[in-house]
Amino acid sequence: MVMKKILSILMVSIVALNVIAANEDDKKESTKTVTSSMVSTIKGKVVDKLTGESLAGVTVKVDESTVVYTDFEGNFTINFNQPKAKICVSLISYAPAEVEVNRNSKELKIELNTVE
């Protein structure tokens, strides 16, 4: 009789642990889905406003939290997870620029003016 109670408690415990583990996995999956759907990616190109030449090595920041640099052709790709964000671009000898973006923004062309 005691053995049956111990086995019953053990079985209930195992089932309960399996249910808890399954719920935790479901929570992780739903969090991944929400998180990945909230991340937006913007591609862009930074050029000299006067000459139209591509600018390499430009610092591109999203709200001071994410920083990337343009490649040799002035291209960049940056991610953000807010509904709206401010992209700040800067390069020595050029005036910094700021561009407001939202989740629907996909491609940008940013023109920088030289500092006189």
PDB file of N, CA and C in Angstrom:
ATOM      1  N   MET A   1       0.815  -1.190   0.000  1.00  0.00           N
ATOM      2  CA  MET A   1       0.000   0.000   0.000  1.00  0.00           C
ATOM      3  C   MET A   1       0.868   1.268   0.000  1.00  0.00           C
ATOM      4  N   VAL A   2       1.902   1.284   0.839  1.00  0.00           N
ATOM      5  CA  VAL A   2       2.820   2.420   0.893  1.00  0.00           C
ATOM      6  C   VAL A   2       3.562   2.551  -0.435  1.00  0.00           C
ATOM      7  N   MET A   3       3.935   1.438  -1.001  1.00  0.00           N
ATOM      8  CA  MET A   3       4.647   1.438  -2.273  1.00  0.00           C
ATOM      9  C   MET A   3       3.780   2.031  -3.383  1.00  0.00           C
ATOM     10  N   LYS A   4       2.469   1.747  -3.388  1.00  0.00           N
ATOM     11  CA  LYS A   4       1.563   2.292  -4.401  1.00  0.00           C
ATOM     12  C   LYS A   4       1.476   3.804  -4.265  1.00  0.00           C
ATOM     13  N   LYS A   5       1.424   4.304  -3.022  1.00  0.00           N
ATOM     14  CA  LYS A   5       1.354   5.754  -2.809  1.00  0.00           C
ATOM     15  C   LYS A   5       2.639   6.422  -3.303  1.00  0.00           C
ATOM     16  N   ILE A   6       3.774   5.815  -3.004  1.00  0.00           N
ATOM     17  CA  ILE A   6       5.056   6.384  -3.446  1.00  0.00           C
ATOM     18  C   ILE A   6       5.122   6.389  -4.976  1.00  0.00           C
ATOM     19  N   LEU A   7       4.727   5.294  -5.610  1.00  0.00           N
ATOM     20  CA  LEU A   7       4.722   5.241  -7.071  1.00  0.00           C
ATOM     21  C   LEU A   7       3.751   6.254  -7.668  1.00  0.00           C
ATOM     22  N   SER A   8       2.597   6.410  -7.046  1.00  0.00           N
ATOM     23  CA  SER A   8       1.606   7.386  -7.524  1.00  0.00           C
ATOM     24  C   SER A   8       2.158   8.799  -7.426  1.00  0.00           C
ATOM     25  N   ILE A   9       2.786   9.125  -6.302  1.00  0.00           N
ATOM     26  CA  ILE A   9       3.366  10.460  -6.126  1.00  0.00           C
ATOM     27  C   ILE A   9       4.491  10.681  -7.142  1.00  0.00           C
ATOM     28  N   LEU A  10       5.290   9.666  -7.329  1.00  0.00           N
ATOM     29  CA  LEU A  10       6.383   9.753  -8.296  1.00  0.00           C
ATOM     30  C   LEU A  10       5.846   9.985  -9.710  1.00  0.00           C
ATOM     31  N   MET A  11       4.824   9.263 -10.105  1.00  0.00           N
ATOM     32  CA  MET A  11       4.231   9.414 -11.447  1.00  0.00           C
ATOM     33  C   MET A  11       3.625  10.810 -11.622  1.00  0.00           C
ATOM     34  N   VAL A  12       2.901  11.281 -10.613  1.00  0.00           N
ATOM     35  CA  VAL A  12       2.300  12.614 -10.690  1.00  0.00           C
ATOM     36  C   VAL A  12       3.398  13.668 -10.813  1.00  0.00           C
ATOM     37  N   SER A  13       4.482  13.492 -10.063  1.00  0.00           N
ATOM     38  CA  SER A  13       5.601  14.438 -10.122  1.00  0.00           C
ATOM     39  C   SER A  13       6.230  14.468 -11.509  1.00  0.00           C
ATOM     40  N   ILE A  14       6.426  13.301 -12.089  1.00  0.00           N
ATOM     41  CA  ILE A  14       7.022  13.224 -13.435  1.00  0.00           C
ATOM     42  C   ILE A  14       6.121  13.896 -14.463  1.00  0.00           C
ATOM     43  N   VAL A  15       4.832  13.630 -14.384  1.00  0.00           N
ATOM     44  CA  VAL A  15       3.885  14.248 -15.320  1.00  0.00           C
ATOM     45  C   VAL A  15       3.893  15.765 -15.137  1.00  0.00           C
ATOM     46  N   ALA A  16       3.893  16.217 -13.877  1.00  0.00           N
ATOM     47  CA  ALA A  16       3.896  17.663 -13.611  1.00  0.00           C
ATOM     48  C   ALA A  16       5.158  18.313 -14.163  1.00  0.00           C
ATOM     49  N   LEU A  17       6.300  17.684 -13.985  1.00  0.00           N
ATOM     50  CA  LEU A  17       7.542  18.237 -14.513  1.00  0.00           C
ATOM     51  C   LEU A  17       7.526  18.298 -16.044  1.00  0.00           C
ATOM     52  N   ASN A  18       6.970  17.297 -16.686  1.00  0.00           N
ATOM     53  CA  ASN A  18       6.859  17.307 -18.152  1.00  0.00           C
ATOM     54  C   ASN A  18       5.962  18.431 -18.634  1.00  0.00           C
ATOM     55  N   VAL A  19       4.866  18.674 -17.936  1.00  0.00           N
ATOM     56  CA  VAL A  19       3.948  19.764 -18.300  1.00  0.00           C
ATOM     57  C   VAL A  19       4.640  21.109 -18.128  1.00  0.00           C
ATOM     58  N   ILE A  20       5.353  21.276 -17.019  1.00  0.00           N
ATOM     59  CA  ILE A  20       6.071  22.538 -16.780  1.00  0.00           C
ATOM     60  C   ILE A  20       7.130  22.751 -17.855  1.00  0.00           C
ATOM     61  N   ALA A  21       7.875  21.722 -18.193  1.00  0.00           N
ATOM     62  CA  ALA A  21       8.909  21.837 -19.219  1.00  0.00           C
ATOM     63  C   ALA A  21       8.302  22.193 -20.573  1.00  0.00           C
ATOM     64  N   ALA A  22       7.181  21.587 -20.907  1.00  0.00           N
ATOM     65  CA  ALA A  22       6.521  21.884 -22.181  1.00  0.00           C
ATOM     66  C   ALA A  22       6.056  23.333 -22.213  1.00  0.00           C
ATOM     67  N   ASN A  23       5.532  23.829 -21.104  1.00  0.00           N
ATOM     68  CA  ASN A  23       5.089  25.223 -21.044  1.00  0.00           C
ATOM     69  C   ASN A  23       6.262  26.180 -21.190  1.00  0.00           C
ATOM     70  N   GLU A  24       7.391  25.852 -20.592  1.00  0.00           N
ATOM     71  CA  GLU A  24       8.574  26.693 -20.715  1.00  0.00           C
ATOM     72  C   GLU A  24       9.049  26.738 -22.161  1.00  0.00           C
ATOM     73  N   ASP A  25       9.030  25.604 -22.848  1.00  0.00           N
ATOM     74  CA  ASP A  25       9.430  25.575 -24.259  1.00  0.00           C
ATOM     75  C   ASP A  25       8.496  26.425 -25.102  1.00  0.00           C
ATOM     76  N   ASP A  26       7.188  26.362 -24.816  1.00  0.00           N
ATOM     77  CA  ASP A  26       6.220  27.177 -25.549  1.00  0.00           C
ATOM     78  C   ASP A  26       6.492  28.658 -25.327  1.00  0.00           C
ATOM     79  N   LYS A  27       6.811  29.035 -24.089  1.00  0.00           N
ATOM     80  CA  LYS A  27       7.103  30.439 -23.789  1.00  0.00           C
ATOM     81  C   LYS A  27       8.331  30.898 -24.554  1.00  0.00           C
ATOM     82  N   LYS A  28       9.373  30.073 -24.594  1.00  0.00           N
ATOM     83  CA  LYS A  28      10.586  30.436 -25.309  1.00  0.00           C
ATOM     84  C   LYS A  28      10.300  30.626 -26.792  1.00  0.00           C
ATOM     85  N   GLU A  29       9.533  29.735 -27.395  1.00  0.00           N
ATOM     86  CA  GLU A  29       9.212  29.833 -28.817  1.00  0.00           C
ATOM     87  C   GLU A  29       8.417  31.100 -29.105  1.00  0.00           C
ATOM     88  N   SER A  30       7.419  31.422 -28.257  1.00  0.00           N
ATOM     89  CA  SER A  30       6.621  32.613 -28.518  1.00  0.00           C
ATOM     90  C   SER A  30       7.453  33.869 -28.329  1.00  0.00           C
ATOM     91  N   THR A  31       8.390  33.866 -27.380  1.00  0.00           N
ATOM     92  CA  THR A  31       9.272  35.007 -27.190  1.00  0.00           C
ATOM     93  C   THR A  31      10.170  35.182 -28.403  1.00  0.00           C
ATOM     94  N   LYS A  32      10.695  34.104 -28.945  1.00  0.00           N
ATOM     95  CA  LYS A  32      11.530  34.193 -30.133  1.00  0.00           C
ATOM     96  C   LYS A  32      10.755  34.777 -31.300  1.00  0.00           C
ATOM     97  N   THR A  33       9.529  34.349 -31.470  1.00  0.00           N
ATOM     98  CA  THR A  33       8.711  34.828 -32.572  1.00  0.00           C
ATOM     99  C   THR A  33       8.455  36.318 -32.438  1.00  0.00           C
ATOM    100  N   VAL A  34       8.074  36.776 -31.251  1.00  0.00           N
ATOM    101  CA  VAL A  34       7.797  38.191 -31.043  1.00  0.00           C
ATOM    102  C   VAL A  34       9.066  39.007 -31.229  1.00  0.00           C
ATOM    103  N   THR A  35      10.165  38.552 -30.660  1.00  0.00           N
ATOM    104  CA  THR A  35      11.417  39.285 -30.759  1.00  0.00           C
ATOM    105  C   THR A  35      11.872  39.405 -32.202  1.00  0.00           C
ATOM    106  N   SER A  36      11.866  38.310 -32.949  1.00  0.00           N
ATOM    107  CA  SER A  36      12.342  38.370 -34.326  1.00  0.00           C
ATOM    108  C   SER A  36      11.416  39.189 -35.210  1.00  0.00           C
ATOM    109  N   SER A  37      10.137  39.218 -34.923  1.00  0.00           N
ATOM    110  CA  SER A  37       9.225  40.005 -35.748  1.00  0.00           C
ATOM    111  C   SER A  37       9.329  41.488 -35.421  1.00  0.00           C
ATOM    112  N   MET A  38       9.917  41.831 -34.269  1.00  0.00           N
ATOM    113  CA  MET A  38      10.035  43.229 -33.879  1.00  0.00           C
ATOM    114  C   MET A  38      11.317  43.873 -34.407  1.00  0.00           C
ATOM    115  N   VAL A  39      12.264  43.080 -34.845  1.00  0.00           N
ATOM    116  CA  VAL A  39      13.531  43.617 -35.340  1.00  0.00           C
ATOM    117  C   VAL A  39      13.361  44.051 -36.790  1.00  0.00           C
ATOM    118  N   SER A  40      13.754  45.289 -37.058  1.00  0.00           N
ATOM    119  CA  SER A  40      13.704  45.815 -38.415  1.00  0.00           C
ATOM    120  C   SER A  40      15.126  45.994 -38.935  1.00  0.00           C
ATOM    121  N   THR A  41      15.306  45.761 -40.209  1.00  0.00           N
ATOM    122  CA  THR A  41      16.601  45.924 -40.842  1.00  0.00           C
ATOM    123  C   THR A  41      16.508  47.011 -41.899  1.00  0.00           C
ATOM    124  N   ILE A  42      17.467  47.919 -41.845  1.00  0.00           N
ATOM    125  CA  ILE A  42      17.518  48.994 -42.832  1.00  0.00           C
ATOM    126  C   ILE A  42      18.860  48.915 -43.549  1.00  0.00           C
ATOM    127  N   LYS A  43      18.799  49.004 -44.859  1.00  0.00           N
ATOM    128  CA  LYS A  43      20.012  49.076 -45.666  1.00  0.00           C
ATOM    129  C   LYS A  43      20.132  50.502 -46.170  1.00  0.00           C
ATOM    130  N   GLY A  44      21.347  50.948 -46.337  1.00  0.00           N
ATOM    131  CA  GLY A  44      21.517  52.309 -46.807  1.00  0.00           C
ATOM    132  C   GLY A  44      22.856  52.524 -47.466  1.00  0.00           C
ATOM    133  N   LYS A  45      22.992  53.731 -48.000  1.00  0.00           N
ATOM    134  CA  LYS A  45      24.230  54.134 -48.660  1.00  0.00           C
ATOM    135  C   LYS A  45      24.499  55.579 -48.248  1.00  0.00           C
ATOM    136  N   VAL A  46      25.763  55.865 -47.940  1.00  0.00           N
ATOM    137  CA  VAL A  46      26.156  57.217 -47.567  1.00  0.00           C
ATOM    138  C   VAL A  46      27.077  57.760 -48.658  1.00  0.00           C
ATOM    139  N   VAL A  47      26.731  58.949 -49.128  1.00  0.00           N
ATOM    140  CA  VAL A  47      27.499  59.566 -50.213  1.00  0.00           C
ATOM    141  C   VAL A  47      27.827  61.017 -49.869  1.00  0.00           C
ATOM    142  N   ASP A  48      28.820  61.554 -50.568  1.00  0.00           N
ATOM    143  CA  ASP A  48      29.155  62.966 -50.476  1.00  0.00           C
ATOM    144  C   ASP A  48      28.086  63.731 -51.246  1.00  0.00           C
ATOM    145  N   LYS A  49      27.480  64.714 -50.610  1.00  0.00           N
ATOM    146  CA  LYS A  49      26.371  65.437 -51.250  1.00  0.00           C
ATOM    147  C   LYS A  49      26.822  66.197 -52.500  1.00  0.00           C
ATOM    148  N   LEU A  50      28.005  66.742 -52.472  1.00  0.00           N
ATOM    149  CA  LEU A  50      28.469  67.545 -53.594  1.00  0.00           C
ATOM    150  C   LEU A  50      28.902  66.689 -54.775  1.00  0.00           C
ATOM    151  N   THR A  51      29.662  65.642 -54.522  1.00  0.00           N
ATOM    152  CA  THR A  51      30.224  64.844 -55.619  1.00  0.00           C
ATOM    153  C   THR A  51      29.427  63.583 -55.931  1.00  0.00           C
ATOM    154  N   GLY A  52      28.632  63.116 -54.971  1.00  0.00           N
ATOM    155  CA  GLY A  52      27.885  61.873 -55.155  1.00  0.00           C
ATOM    156  C   GLY A  52      28.728  60.628 -54.940  1.00  0.00           C
ATOM    157  N   GLU A  53      29.999  60.812 -54.551  1.00  0.00           N
ATOM    158  CA  GLU A  53      30.880  59.669 -54.326  1.00  0.00           C
ATOM    159  C   GLU A  53      30.506  58.938 -53.043  1.00  0.00           C
ATOM    160  N   SER A  54      30.659  57.627 -53.065  1.00  0.00           N
ATOM    161  CA  SER A  54      30.389  56.801 -51.888  1.00  0.00           C
ATOM    162  C   SER A  54      31.417  57.105 -50.807  1.00  0.00           C
ATOM    163  N   LEU A  55      30.967  57.048 -49.556  1.00  0.00           N
ATOM    164  CA  LEU A  55      31.860  57.315 -48.430  1.00  0.00           C
ATOM    165  C   LEU A  55      32.056  56.054 -47.600  1.00  0.00           C
ATOM    166  N   ALA A  56      33.291  55.612 -47.500  1.00  0.00           N
ATOM    167  CA  ALA A  56      33.628  54.416 -46.723  1.00  0.00           C
ATOM    168  C   ALA A  56      33.993  54.812 -45.293  1.00  0.00           C
ATOM    169  N   GLY A  57      33.733  53.913 -44.355  1.00  0.00           N
ATOM    170  CA  GLY A  57      34.127  54.131 -42.963  1.00  0.00           C
ATOM    171  C   GLY A  57      33.266  55.104 -42.192  1.00  0.00           C
ATOM    172  N   VAL A  58      32.086  55.401 -42.689  1.00  0.00           N
ATOM    173  CA  VAL A  58      31.174  56.304 -41.990  1.00  0.00           C
ATOM    174  C   VAL A  58      30.576  55.563 -40.797  1.00  0.00           C
ATOM    175  N   THR A  59      30.516  56.236 -39.645  1.00  0.00           N
ATOM    176  CA  THR A  59      29.899  55.667 -38.452  1.00  0.00           C
ATOM    177  C   THR A  59      28.393  55.829 -38.565  1.00  0.00           C
ATOM    178  N   VAL A  60      27.659  54.725 -38.404  1.00  0.00           N
ATOM    179  CA  VAL A  60      26.197  54.734 -38.468  1.00  0.00           C
ATOM    180  C   VAL A  60      25.683  54.177 -37.143  1.00  0.00           C
ATOM    181  N   LYS A  61      24.919  54.994 -36.400  1.00  0.00           N
ATOM    182  CA  LYS A  61      24.420  54.592 -35.083  1.00  0.00           C
ATOM    183  C   LYS A  61      22.902  54.652 -35.064  1.00  0.00           C
ATOM    184  N   VAL A  62      22.302  53.722 -34.313  1.00  0.00           N
ATOM    185  CA  VAL A  62      20.867  53.772 -34.051  1.00  0.00           C
ATOM    186  C   VAL A  62      20.707  54.054 -32.561  1.00  0.00           C
ATOM    187  N   ASP A  63      20.217  55.241 -32.231  1.00  0.00           N
ATOM    188  CA  ASP A  63      19.958  55.629 -30.844  1.00  0.00           C
ATOM    189  C   ASP A  63      21.107  55.289 -29.908  1.00  0.00           C
ATOM    190  N   GLU A  64      22.327  55.474 -30.357  1.00  0.00           N
ATOM    191  CA  GLU A  64      23.531  55.257 -29.558  1.00  0.00           C
ATOM    192  C   GLU A  64      23.726  53.819 -29.063  1.00  0.00           C
ATOM    193  N   SER A  65      22.843  52.895 -29.453  1.00  0.00           N
ATOM    194  CA  SER A  65      22.953  51.532 -28.937  1.00  0.00           C
ATOM    195  C   SER A  65      23.591  50.560 -29.929  1.00  0.00           C
ATOM    196  N   THR A  66      23.422  50.790 -31.209  1.00  0.00           N
ATOM    197  CA  THR A  66      23.972  49.905 -32.228  1.00  0.00           C
ATOM    198  C   THR A  66      24.822  50.729 -33.179  1.00  0.00           C
ATOM    199  N   VAL A  67      26.036  50.254 -33.427  1.00  0.00           N
ATOM    200  CA  VAL A  67      26.954  50.993 -34.297  1.00  0.00           C
ATOM    201  C   VAL A  67      27.461  50.063 -35.390  1.00  0.00           C
ATOM    202  N   VAL A  68      27.427  50.551 -36.629  1.00  0.00           N
ATOM    203  CA  VAL A  68      28.031  49.859 -37.761  1.00  0.00           C
ATOM    204  C   VAL A  68      28.796  50.899 -38.575  1.00  0.00           C
ATOM    205  N   TYR A  69      29.578  50.425 -39.548  1.00  0.00           N
ATOM    206  CA  TYR A  69      30.354  51.309 -40.414  1.00  0.00           C
ATOM    207  C   TYR A  69      30.067  50.964 -41.870  1.00  0.00           C
ATOM    208  N   THR A  70      30.127  51.984 -42.713  1.00  0.00           N
ATOM    209  CA  THR A  70      29.899  51.731 -44.133  1.00  0.00           C
ATOM    210  C   THR A  70      31.092  50.984 -44.727  1.00  0.00           C
ATOM    211  N   ASP A  71      30.806  50.190 -45.765  1.00  0.00           N
ATOM    212  CA  ASP A  71      31.868  49.450 -46.443  1.00  0.00           C
ATOM    213  C   ASP A  71      32.545  50.366 -47.471  1.00  0.00           C
ATOM    214  N   PHE A  72      33.389  49.795 -48.315  1.00  0.00           N
ATOM    215  CA  PHE A  72      34.138  50.598 -49.298  1.00  0.00           C
ATOM    216  C   PHE A  72      33.229  51.291 -50.302  1.00  0.00           C
ATOM    217  N   GLU A  73      32.031  50.800 -50.476  1.00  0.00           N
ATOM    218  CA  GLU A  73      31.098  51.409 -51.422  1.00  0.00           C
ATOM    219  C   GLU A  73      30.054  52.283 -50.735  1.00  0.00           C
ATOM    220  N   GLY A  74      30.249  52.556 -49.431  1.00  0.00           N
ATOM    221  CA  GLY A  74      29.335  53.429 -48.697  1.00  0.00           C
ATOM    222  C   GLY A  74      28.070  52.749 -48.209  1.00  0.00           C
ATOM    223  N   ASN A  75      27.999  51.424 -48.347  1.00  0.00           N
ATOM    224  CA  ASN A  75      26.794  50.691 -47.955  1.00  0.00           C
ATOM    225  C   ASN A  75      26.841  50.268 -46.485  1.00  0.00           C
ATOM    226  N   PHE A  76      25.675  50.182 -45.867  1.00  0.00           N
ATOM    227  CA  PHE A  76      25.569  49.675 -44.506  1.00  0.00           C
ATOM    228  C   PHE A  76      24.246  48.945 -44.333  1.00  0.00           C
ATOM    229  N   THR A  77      24.199  48.092 -43.326  1.00  0.00           N
ATOM    230  CA  THR A  77      22.972  47.416 -42.905  1.00  0.00           C
ATOM    231  C   THR A  77      22.938  47.499 -41.389  1.00  0.00           C
ATOM    232  N   ILE A  78      21.810  47.939 -40.849  1.00  0.00           N
ATOM    233  CA  ILE A  78      21.696  48.088 -39.398  1.00  0.00           C
ATOM    234  C   ILE A  78      20.320  47.621 -38.938  1.00  0.00           C
ATOM    235  N   ASN A  79      20.276  47.054 -37.750  1.00  0.00           N
ATOM    236  CA  ASN A  79      19.019  46.556 -37.169  1.00  0.00           C
ATOM    237  C   ASN A  79      18.601  47.417 -35.988  1.00  0.00           C
ATOM    238  N   PHE A  80      17.299  47.512 -35.780  1.00  0.00           N
ATOM    239  CA  PHE A  80      16.773  48.175 -34.587  1.00  0.00           C
ATOM    240  C   PHE A  80      15.461  47.509 -34.212  1.00  0.00           C
ATOM    241  N   ASN A  81      15.058  47.645 -32.959  1.00  0.00           N
ATOM    242  CA  ASN A  81      13.839  46.962 -32.526  1.00  0.00           C
ATOM    243  C   ASN A  81      12.812  47.895 -31.903  1.00  0.00           C
ATOM    244  N   GLN A  82      12.913  49.194 -32.139  1.00  0.00           N
ATOM    245  CA  GLN A  82      11.910  50.140 -31.686  1.00  0.00           C
ATOM    246  C   GLN A  82      10.954  50.456 -32.833  1.00  0.00           C
ATOM    247  N   PRO A  83       9.762  50.948 -32.525  1.00  0.00           N
ATOM    248  CA  PRO A  83       8.852  51.334 -33.613  1.00  0.00           C
ATOM    249  C   PRO A  83       9.432  52.458 -34.482  1.00  0.00           C
ATOM    250  N   LYS A  84      10.122  53.392 -33.824  1.00  0.00           N
ATOM    251  CA  LYS A  84      10.797  54.489 -34.530  1.00  0.00           C
ATOM    252  C   LYS A  84      12.210  54.585 -33.984  1.00  0.00           C
ATOM    253  N   ALA A  85      13.116  55.059 -34.810  1.00  0.00           N
ATOM    254  CA  ALA A  85      14.502  55.209 -34.377  1.00  0.00           C
ATOM    255  C   ALA A  85      15.131  56.387 -35.104  1.00  0.00           C
ATOM    256  N   LYS A  86      16.228  56.858 -34.530  1.00  0.00           N
ATOM    257  CA  LYS A  86      16.990  57.931 -35.145  1.00  0.00           C
ATOM    258  C   LYS A  86      18.340  57.356 -35.548  1.00  0.00           C
ATOM    259  N   ILE A  87      18.662  57.460 -36.829  1.00  0.00           N
ATOM    260  CA  ILE A  87      19.957  57.007 -37.323  1.00  0.00           C
ATOM    261  C   ILE A  87      20.855  58.232 -37.438  1.00  0.00           C
ATOM    262  N   CYS A  88      22.014  58.145 -36.785  1.00  0.00           N
ATOM    263  CA  CYS A  88      22.991  59.231 -36.819  1.00  0.00           C
ATOM    264  C   CYS A  88      24.209  58.759 -37.589  1.00  0.00           C
ATOM    265  N   VAL A  89      24.652  59.574 -38.546  1.00  0.00           N
ATOM    266  CA  VAL A  89      25.834  59.223 -39.335  1.00  0.00           C
ATOM    267  C   VAL A  89      26.885  60.313 -39.185  1.00  0.00           C
ATOM    268  N   SER A  90      28.153  59.897 -39.112  1.00  0.00           N
ATOM    269  CA  SER A  90      29.214  60.885 -38.952  1.00  0.00           C
ATOM    270  C   SER A  90      30.511  60.378 -39.564  1.00  0.00           C
ATOM    271  N   LEU A  91      31.283  61.340 -40.046  1.00  0.00           N
ATOM    272  CA  LEU A  91      32.590  61.055 -40.628  1.00  0.00           C
ATOM    273  C   LEU A  91      33.420  62.331 -40.506  1.00  0.00           C
ATOM    274  N   ILE A  92      34.702  62.183 -40.188  1.00  0.00           N
ATOM    275  CA  ILE A  92      35.578  63.343 -40.062  1.00  0.00           C
ATOM    276  C   ILE A  92      35.542  64.144 -41.356  1.00  0.00           C
ATOM    277  N   SER A  93      35.518  65.454 -41.238  1.00  0.00           N
ATOM    278  CA  SER A  93      35.472  66.427 -42.345  1.00  0.00           C
ATOM    279  C   SER A  93      34.075  66.608 -42.918  1.00  0.00           C
ATOM    280  N   TYR A  94      33.077  65.919 -42.343  1.00  0.00           N
ATOM    281  CA  TYR A  94      31.696  66.059 -42.802  1.00  0.00           C
ATOM    282  C   TYR A  94      30.795  66.434 -41.625  1.00  0.00           C
ATOM    283  N   ALA A  95      29.758  67.205 -41.932  1.00  0.00           N
ATOM    284  CA  ALA A  95      28.772  67.537 -40.904  1.00  0.00           C
ATOM    285  C   ALA A  95      27.948  66.290 -40.600  1.00  0.00           C
ATOM    286  N   PRO A  96      27.721  65.995 -39.316  1.00  0.00           N
ATOM    287  CA  PRO A  96      26.907  64.813 -38.994  1.00  0.00           C
ATOM    288  C   PRO A  96      25.468  64.992 -39.495  1.00  0.00           C
ATOM    289  N   ALA A  97      24.803  63.876 -39.715  1.00  0.00           N
ATOM    290  CA  ALA A  97      23.409  63.906 -40.171  1.00  0.00           C
ATOM    291  C   ALA A  97      22.578  62.942 -39.333  1.00  0.00           C
ATOM    292  N   GLU A  98      21.299  63.280 -39.188  1.00  0.00           N
ATOM    293  CA  GLU A  98      20.363  62.411 -38.480  1.00  0.00           C
ATOM    294  C   GLU A  98      19.160  62.151 -39.368  1.00  0.00           C
ATOM    295  N   VAL A  99      18.692  60.905 -39.345  1.00  0.00           N
ATOM    296  CA  VAL A  99      17.536  60.519 -40.146  1.00  0.00           C
ATOM    297  C   VAL A  99      16.578  59.734 -39.254  1.00  0.00           C
ATOM    298  N   GLU A 100      15.317  60.146 -39.234  1.00  0.00           N
ATOM    299  CA  GLU A 100      14.295  59.408 -38.493  1.00  0.00           C
ATOM    300  C   GLU A 100      13.786  58.265 -39.363  1.00  0.00           C
ATOM    301  N   VAL A 101      13.674  57.064 -38.780  1.00  0.00           N
ATOM    302  CA  VAL A 101      13.174  55.907 -39.512  1.00  0.00           C
ATOM    303  C   VAL A 101      12.116  55.209 -38.681  1.00  0.00           C
ATOM    304  N   ASN A 102      11.339  54.362 -39.332  1.00  0.00           N
ATOM    305  CA  ASN A 102      10.373  53.524 -38.626  1.00  0.00           C
ATOM    306  C   ASN A 102      10.458  52.109 -39.184  1.00  0.00           C
ATOM    307  N   ARG A 103       9.615  51.234 -38.673  1.00  0.00           N
ATOM    308  CA  ARG A 103       9.664  49.817 -39.074  1.00  0.00           C
ATOM    309  C   ARG A 103       9.449  49.616 -40.578  1.00  0.00           C
ATOM    310  N   ASN A 104       8.777  50.557 -41.242  1.00  0.00           N
ATOM    311  CA  ASN A 104       8.503  50.414 -42.667  1.00  0.00           C
ATOM    312  C   ASN A 104       9.670  50.878 -43.540  1.00  0.00           C
ATOM    313  N   SER A 105      10.629  51.571 -42.940  1.00  0.00           N
ATOM    314  CA  SER A 105      11.792  52.044 -43.703  1.00  0.00           C
ATOM    315  C   SER A 105      12.642  50.845 -44.093  1.00  0.00           C
ATOM    316  N   LYS A 106      13.060  50.798 -45.335  1.00  0.00           N
ATOM    317  CA  LYS A 106      13.855  49.663 -45.808  1.00  0.00           C
ATOM    318  C   LYS A 106      15.193  50.089 -46.397  1.00  0.00           C
ATOM    319  N   GLU A 107      15.211  51.161 -47.192  1.00  0.00           N
ATOM    320  CA  GLU A 107      16.452  51.603 -47.826  1.00  0.00           C
ATOM    321  C   GLU A 107      16.588  53.116 -47.693  1.00  0.00           C
ATOM    322  N   LEU A 108      17.818  53.552 -47.434  1.00  0.00           N
ATOM    323  CA  LEU A 108      18.100  54.978 -47.275  1.00  0.00           C
ATOM    324  C   LEU A 108      19.266  55.389 -48.158  1.00  0.00           C
ATOM    325  N   LYS A 109      19.239  56.640 -48.556  1.00  0.00           N
ATOM    326  CA  LYS A 109      20.417  57.254 -49.171  1.00  0.00           C
ATOM    327  C   LYS A 109      20.667  58.513 -48.356  1.00  0.00           C
ATOM    328  N   ILE A 110      21.820  58.552 -47.726  1.00  0.00           N
ATOM    329  CA  ILE A 110      22.145  59.676 -46.850  1.00  0.00           C
ATOM    330  C   ILE A 110      23.283  60.457 -47.488  1.00  0.00           C
ATOM    331  N   GLU A 111      23.064  61.749 -47.643  1.00  0.00           N
ATOM    332  CA  GLU A 111      24.074  62.634 -48.244  1.00  0.00           C
ATOM    333  C   GLU A 111      24.693  63.495 -47.150  1.00  0.00           C
ATOM    334  N   LEU A 112      26.032  63.479 -47.103  1.00  0.00           N
ATOM    335  CA  LEU A 112      26.739  64.279 -46.101  1.00  0.00           C
ATOM    336  C   LEU A 112      27.385  65.490 -46.752  1.00  0.00           C
ATOM    337  N   ASN A 113      27.315  66.617 -46.052  1.00  0.00           N
ATOM    338  CA  ASN A 113      27.947  67.849 -46.497  1.00  0.00           C
ATOM    339  C   ASN A 113      29.324  67.989 -45.869  1.00  0.00           C
ATOM    340  N   THR A 114      30.285  68.462 -46.647  1.00  0.00           N
ATOM    341  CA  THR A 114      31.614  68.700 -46.096  1.00  0.00           C
ATOM    342  C   THR A 114      31.558  69.891 -45.167  1.00  0.00           C
ATOM    343  N   VAL A 115      32.443  69.888 -44.164  1.00  0.00           N
ATOM    344  CA  VAL A 115      32.543  71.004 -43.238  1.00  0.00           C
ATOM    345  C   VAL A 115      33.547  71.993 -43.829  1.00  0.00           C
ATOM    346  N   GLU A 116      33.187  73.240 -43.853  1.00  0.00           N
ATOM    347  CA  GLU A 116      34.095  74.248 -44.440  1.00  0.00           C
ATOM    348  C   GLU A 116      34.934  74.877 -43.385  1.00  0.00           C
TER     349      GLU A 116
END
